[in-house]
Amino acid sequence: MITLHDIAYVRSGTADAAAATDFAVDVVGMELVAEEDGVSYLRADHRHHCLAFEQGEAGVLASGFSLTGPDALEAAEKELEAAGVKVARGTPKQARSRRVEEFIAFDDPFGNRIELVHGQVQLARPVHFGRTAGITEFGHICFDAPDVKQAYEFWSGLFNVKVSDWIGDWACLMRFDPVHHKLAVFRGSEPGLCHINFQVDSLDDVMRNWRFLQSRGVEIEMGPGRHPQSTAIFVYFKGPEGLTYEYSYGVRNLDDDWVPRVFDPTEPDAIDMWHGPTQRVQTQPQIRRPLDA
């Protein structure tokens, strides 16, 4: 069993790095940490970065999860290979670009590129936010896959992942620590990044951010609302090149006795218990590259 420690980062390709970075700083509120070799690094918490934009083709490149050390990474590599999953070990230059000690890369059964890392660089200094959005941490990552039950079988079969709740065959919300979900898979025809989440400090932050986004003409995809599964109050909004961001507050923690529930996605309160209008948010497509590229 591979033990995931935390989410690490998302690496996204962009045809216009300046526009993507400006949006992340000026609108989302992240800190631009560095720009190096065509990569812009954005920070929101203790991590050196949780979002990196790489100049080139637009689309998600990889999503990273952290392990506890080199032994855990080596064991994960062997376990994935034993399960028939093709794995590539990153070069020192690639690891430096990700600000990690080492990493391995693989594709899930649907083509989502996953990276497992150890030694992700931390920064001790406070975050210098681009604006006051109330962000407290990088919250969760959500992928697309055509079959969410098969996706859960993959994650739970190889990793310390448990299902928290199902939204029919539309979504599987998963955890590997007490937080209701740090990983989710939504039904979609192709692999991709459904959205990335940032937790904020209060309900007031969600509502102030909503008003701010409206004043800037940013497309609100869904919310404000409240998810009945995690109890989080949310707002989703669209960034450049199809990258969807989410602010949320009030996500619940679960204990080991939690029994997963099933919600019918056709019910009016299955996504938003406040009965607000809901829709499928924009997914950023997965860029297909050879593992050793």
Protein backbone atom coordinates (compact mmCIF):
# COMPACT_ATOMS: atom_id res chain seq x y z
CA MET A 1 0.00 0.00 0.00
CA ILE A 2 1.37 3.41 -1.03
CA THR A 3 0.81 6.03 1.66
CA LEU A 4 0.06 9.50 0.33
CA HIS A 5 1.14 12.19 2.77
CA ASP A 6 -0.37 15.30 1.15
CA ILE A 7 -1.12 16.98 -2.13
CA ALA A 8 1.94 18.75 -3.51
CA TYR A 9 1.34 20.81 -6.64
CA VAL A 10 -0.25 21.17 -10.04
CA ARG A 11 1.90 21.82 -13.08
CA SER A 12 0.01 23.46 -15.92
CA GLY A 13 1.03 24.36 -19.45
CA THR A 14 0.14 27.81 -20.73
CA ALA A 15 0.41 29.53 -24.07
CA ASP A 16 0.46 32.91 -22.26
CA ALA A 17 2.44 32.63 -19.03
CA ALA A 18 2.11 36.35 -18.27
CA ALA A 19 -1.70 36.25 -18.41
CA ALA A 20 -1.93 33.01 -16.40
CA THR A 21 0.46 34.32 -13.76
CA ASP A 22 -1.16 37.74 -13.50
CA PHE A 23 -4.54 36.09 -12.95
CA ALA A 24 -3.14 33.79 -10.26
CA VAL A 25 -1.58 36.75 -8.43
CA ASP A 26 -3.99 39.63 -9.01
CA VAL A 27 -7.26 37.69 -9.00
CA VAL A 28 -6.72 34.44 -7.09
CA GLY A 29 -4.32 36.15 -4.68
CA MET A 30 -1.30 33.84 -4.83
CA GLU A 31 2.35 34.87 -4.46
CA LEU A 32 4.67 34.72 -7.45
CA VAL A 33 7.73 33.09 -5.90
CA ALA A 34 10.02 32.80 -8.90
CA GLU A 35 10.25 32.68 -12.69
CA GLU A 36 12.91 30.33 -13.98
CA ASP A 37 13.55 28.51 -17.28
CA GLY A 38 10.09 29.28 -18.62
CA VAL A 39 8.30 28.24 -15.41
CA SER A 40 6.37 30.56 -13.09
CA TYR A 41 5.96 29.35 -9.50
CA LEU A 42 2.92 30.35 -7.43
CA ARG A 43 2.60 29.92 -3.69
CA ALA A 44 -0.39 29.91 -1.32
CA ASP A 45 0.92 28.31 1.89
CA HIS A 46 4.07 26.69 3.36
CA ARG A 47 4.95 24.93 0.11
CA HIS A 48 7.50 26.56 -2.21
CA HIS A 49 4.72 26.42 -4.77
CA CYS A 50 1.46 24.61 -5.31
CA LEU A 51 0.91 25.80 -8.88
CA ALA A 52 3.51 26.10 -11.63
CA PHE A 53 2.89 27.46 -15.12
CA GLU A 54 5.13 26.15 -17.87
CA GLN A 55 5.28 28.17 -21.09
CA GLY A 56 4.07 26.10 -24.05
CA GLU A 57 0.95 24.15 -24.93
CA ALA A 58 -2.07 24.97 -22.76
CA GLY A 59 -3.33 22.16 -20.54
CA VAL A 60 -2.55 20.35 -17.32
CA LEU A 61 0.85 18.64 -17.33
CA ALA A 62 0.91 16.81 -13.98
CA SER A 63 -0.51 16.74 -10.47
CA GLY A 64 1.78 15.91 -7.56
CA PHE A 65 1.34 14.11 -4.25
CA SER A 66 3.97 13.94 -1.51
CA LEU A 67 5.33 10.87 0.25
CA THR A 68 7.32 10.77 3.47
CA GLY A 69 10.82 10.06 2.14
CA PRO A 70 13.12 8.26 -0.31
CA ASP A 71 12.32 4.80 1.03
CA ALA A 72 8.60 5.45 0.56
CA LEU A 73 9.23 6.65 -2.99
CA GLU A 74 11.29 3.58 -3.87
CA ALA A 75 8.65 1.29 -2.40
CA ALA A 76 5.92 3.11 -4.35
CA GLU A 77 7.89 2.71 -7.56
CA LYS A 78 8.18 -1.04 -7.02
CA GLU A 79 4.53 -1.45 -6.06
CA LEU A 80 3.29 0.46 -9.11
CA GLU A 81 5.51 -1.56 -11.43
CA ALA A 82 4.35 -4.82 -9.82
CA ALA A 83 0.77 -3.74 -10.54
CA GLY A 84 1.64 -3.25 -14.21
CA VAL A 85 1.79 0.55 -14.09
CA LYS A 86 4.53 2.07 -16.20
CA VAL A 87 6.70 4.38 -14.07
CA ALA A 88 9.43 6.88 -14.95
CA ARG A 89 11.86 8.39 -12.44
CA GLY A 90 12.48 12.09 -12.86
CA THR A 91 15.93 13.44 -13.60
CA PRO A 92 17.75 15.69 -11.10
CA LYS A 93 17.04 18.66 -13.40
CA GLN A 94 13.34 17.84 -13.49
CA ALA A 95 13.27 17.38 -9.73
CA ARG A 96 14.93 20.77 -9.28
CA SER A 97 12.27 22.33 -11.50
CA ARG A 98 9.61 20.87 -9.21
CA ARG A 99 11.50 21.91 -6.06
CA VAL A 100 11.58 18.34 -4.75
CA GLU A 101 14.35 15.92 -3.86
CA GLU A 102 13.09 13.13 -6.13
CA PHE A 103 9.95 12.11 -7.96
CA ILE A 104 8.40 9.41 -10.09
CA ALA A 105 5.72 9.86 -12.74
CA PHE A 106 2.97 7.59 -14.03
CA ASP A 107 -0.43 7.80 -15.71
CA ASP A 108 -3.63 6.62 -14.07
CA PRO A 109 -5.78 4.21 -16.14
CA PHE A 110 -7.42 7.13 -17.92
CA GLY A 111 -4.34 9.18 -18.81
CA ASN A 112 -4.09 11.65 -15.93
CA ARG A 113 -0.40 12.27 -15.27
CA ILE A 114 0.47 11.80 -11.59
CA GLU A 115 3.77 12.54 -9.86
CA LEU A 116 4.81 11.19 -6.47
CA VAL A 117 7.47 13.25 -4.73
CA HIS A 118 9.46 13.46 -1.56
CA GLY A 119 11.37 16.38 -0.09
CA GLN A 120 9.13 19.15 -1.40
CA VAL A 121 10.76 22.48 -0.56
CA GLN A 122 9.07 24.48 2.20
CA LEU A 123 9.37 28.22 2.77
CA ALA A 124 9.54 29.60 6.31
CA ARG A 125 8.64 33.17 5.44
CA PRO A 126 5.00 34.31 5.43
CA VAL A 127 3.18 34.24 2.11
CA HIS A 128 3.19 37.60 0.36
CA PHE A 129 -0.28 37.32 -1.13
CA GLY A 130 -1.11 39.15 -4.33
CA ARG A 131 -4.29 40.38 -2.70
CA THR A 132 -6.18 39.68 0.52
CA ALA A 133 -8.31 36.70 -0.42
CA GLY A 134 -8.09 34.94 2.96
CA ILE A 135 -6.35 31.85 1.55
CA THR A 136 -5.10 29.48 4.24
CA GLU A 137 -3.91 26.49 2.18
CA PHE A 138 -3.93 24.53 -1.04
CA GLY A 139 -6.97 22.35 -0.39
CA HIS A 140 -7.57 19.64 -2.95
CA ILE A 141 -7.16 18.40 -6.53
CA CYS A 142 -9.90 17.00 -8.76
CA PHE A 143 -9.42 14.95 -11.92
CA ASP A 144 -11.71 13.84 -14.73
CA ALA A 145 -12.21 10.21 -15.74
CA PRO A 146 -14.91 8.44 -17.76
CA ASP A 147 -15.62 5.94 -14.96
CA VAL A 148 -15.41 7.19 -11.37
CA LYS A 149 -15.94 3.73 -9.86
CA GLN A 150 -13.02 2.35 -11.82
CA ALA A 151 -10.98 5.38 -10.77
CA TYR A 152 -11.77 4.63 -7.11
CA GLU A 153 -10.74 1.01 -7.58
CA PHE A 154 -7.37 2.21 -8.88
CA TRP A 155 -6.74 4.70 -6.07
CA SER A 156 -8.02 2.50 -3.23
CA GLY A 157 -6.30 -0.60 -4.59
CA LEU A 158 -2.81 0.94 -4.59
CA PHE A 159 -2.98 3.87 -2.17
CA ASN A 160 -4.19 4.67 1.35
CA VAL A 161 -7.30 6.26 -0.17
CA LYS A 162 -10.84 5.85 1.15
CA VAL A 163 -14.09 7.04 -0.38
CA SER A 164 -15.85 9.69 1.69
CA ASP A 165 -18.96 10.14 -0.43
CA TRP A 166 -20.34 9.31 -3.87
CA ILE A 167 -22.37 11.62 -6.05
CA GLY A 168 -23.93 8.74 -7.97
CA ASP A 169 -21.70 7.75 -10.86
CA TRP A 170 -20.89 11.43 -11.36
CA ALA A 171 -18.18 11.93 -8.71
CA CYS A 172 -16.11 10.11 -6.10
CA LEU A 173 -14.79 12.20 -3.19
CA MET A 174 -11.76 10.62 -1.51
CA ARG A 175 -9.49 11.15 1.48
CA PHE A 176 -6.14 9.95 2.81
CA ASP A 177 -6.21 12.01 6.01
CA PRO A 178 -9.11 13.35 8.12
CA VAL A 179 -10.10 16.05 5.59
CA HIS A 180 -13.29 15.01 3.79
CA HIS A 181 -11.50 15.03 0.45
CA LYS A 182 -8.13 16.08 -0.89
CA LEU A 183 -8.63 14.06 -4.07
CA ALA A 184 -11.76 13.70 -6.18
CA VAL A 185 -12.61 12.25 -9.55
CA PHE A 186 -15.48 13.60 -11.64
CA ARG A 187 -16.99 11.93 -14.65
CA GLY A 188 -15.66 13.33 -17.92
CA SER A 189 -15.00 11.94 -21.35
CA GLU A 190 -11.27 12.71 -21.30
CA PRO A 191 -8.53 12.99 -18.65
CA GLY A 192 -7.98 16.43 -17.22
CA LEU A 193 -7.91 18.69 -14.20
CA CYS A 194 -11.48 19.42 -13.14
CA HIS A 195 -10.42 22.13 -10.65
CA ILE A 196 -7.99 23.10 -7.92
CA ASN A 197 -9.17 24.25 -4.51
CA PHE A 198 -7.94 26.82 -2.03
CA GLN A 199 -9.29 26.92 1.50
CA VAL A 200 -10.05 30.35 2.93
CA ASP A 201 -10.32 31.54 6.51
CA SER A 202 -14.01 32.40 6.78
CA LEU A 203 -17.43 32.53 5.19
CA ASP A 204 -16.88 36.26 4.85
CA ASP A 205 -13.83 35.55 2.69
CA VAL A 206 -15.89 33.39 0.33
CA MET A 207 -18.48 36.13 -0.05
CA ARG A 208 -15.94 38.96 -0.40
CA ASN A 209 -14.09 36.95 -3.03
CA TRP A 210 -17.35 36.34 -4.90
CA ARG A 211 -18.03 40.07 -4.99
CA PHE A 212 -14.45 40.80 -6.02
CA LEU A 213 -14.60 38.28 -8.86
CA GLN A 214 -17.83 39.80 -10.09
CA SER A 215 -16.33 43.28 -10.02
CA ARG A 216 -13.43 42.06 -12.15
CA GLY A 217 -15.70 40.41 -14.71
CA VAL A 218 -14.45 36.90 -13.87
CA GLU A 219 -16.77 34.10 -14.94
CA ILE A 220 -18.40 32.49 -11.90
CA GLU A 221 -19.02 28.87 -12.79
CA MET A 222 -20.90 27.90 -9.63
CA GLY A 223 -21.78 29.39 -6.26
CA PRO A 224 -21.79 30.73 -3.71
CA GLY A 225 -23.26 27.54 -2.37
CA ARG A 226 -22.68 24.78 0.16
CA HIS A 227 -21.76 21.21 -0.64
CA PRO A 228 -23.80 18.71 1.41
CA GLN A 229 -20.97 16.16 1.28
CA SER A 230 -18.09 18.18 2.77
CA THR A 231 -20.26 21.02 4.23
CA ALA A 232 -17.84 23.45 2.54
CA ILE A 233 -19.18 26.80 1.34
CA PHE A 234 -17.83 27.32 -2.17
CA VAL A 235 -17.44 29.47 -5.22
CA TYR A 236 -15.92 28.18 -8.49
CA PHE A 237 -14.51 30.50 -11.13
CA LYS A 238 -12.78 30.22 -14.47
CA GLY A 239 -9.20 31.28 -15.05
CA PRO A 240 -7.29 31.57 -18.32
CA GLU A 241 -7.06 28.58 -20.66
CA GLY A 242 -9.79 26.58 -18.93
CA LEU A 243 -8.22 26.29 -15.48
CA THR A 244 -10.98 26.29 -12.86
CA TYR A 245 -10.26 27.56 -9.36
CA GLU A 246 -12.34 27.12 -6.21
CA TYR A 247 -12.41 28.95 -2.90
CA SER A 248 -14.08 27.11 -0.03
CA TYR A 249 -14.55 27.35 3.71
CA GLY A 250 -15.74 24.91 6.37
CA VAL A 251 -14.73 21.50 5.03
CA ARG A 252 -15.52 18.76 7.51
CA ASN A 253 -13.03 16.26 8.98
CA LEU A 254 -13.93 12.59 9.22
CA ASP A 255 -12.96 9.77 11.56
CA ASP A 256 -12.24 6.14 10.72
CA ASP A 257 -15.83 5.12 11.49
CA TRP A 258 -17.24 7.27 8.69
CA VAL A 259 -19.63 5.40 6.36
CA PRO A 260 -19.66 6.72 2.78
CA ARG A 261 -22.97 8.09 1.54
CA VAL A 262 -24.51 8.20 -1.93
CA PHE A 263 -26.09 11.36 -3.33
CA ASP A 264 -28.27 11.35 -6.43
CA PRO A 265 -26.87 13.97 -8.83
CA THR A 266 -30.35 14.56 -10.29
CA GLU A 267 -31.64 15.87 -6.97
CA PRO A 268 -31.70 19.69 -6.69
CA ASP A 269 -29.59 19.76 -3.53
CA ALA A 270 -27.05 17.04 -4.42
CA ILE A 271 -24.33 19.59 -5.23
CA ASP A 272 -25.58 22.68 -3.42
CA MET A 273 -27.69 22.21 -0.31
CA TRP A 274 -28.83 25.83 -0.73
CA HIS A 275 -30.50 24.85 -4.02
CA GLY A 276 -28.45 27.26 -6.09
CA PRO A 277 -27.94 26.69 -9.83
CA THR A 278 -25.28 24.08 -10.54
CA GLN A 279 -23.37 23.13 -13.65
CA ARG A 280 -20.36 21.15 -14.76
CA VAL A 281 -17.28 23.36 -14.29
CA GLN A 282 -14.63 23.73 -16.97
CA THR A 283 -11.95 21.04 -17.10
CA GLN A 284 -8.42 21.79 -18.26
CA PRO A 285 -7.48 18.91 -20.61
CA GLN A 286 -4.53 16.67 -19.83
CA ILE A 287 -1.58 17.13 -22.19
CA ARG A 288 -0.37 13.73 -23.36
CA ARG A 289 3.40 13.38 -23.24
CA PRO A 290 5.71 10.36 -22.99
CA LEU A 291 6.61 9.60 -19.39
CA ASP A 292 10.30 10.19 -20.04
CA ALA A 293 9.78 13.52 -21.84
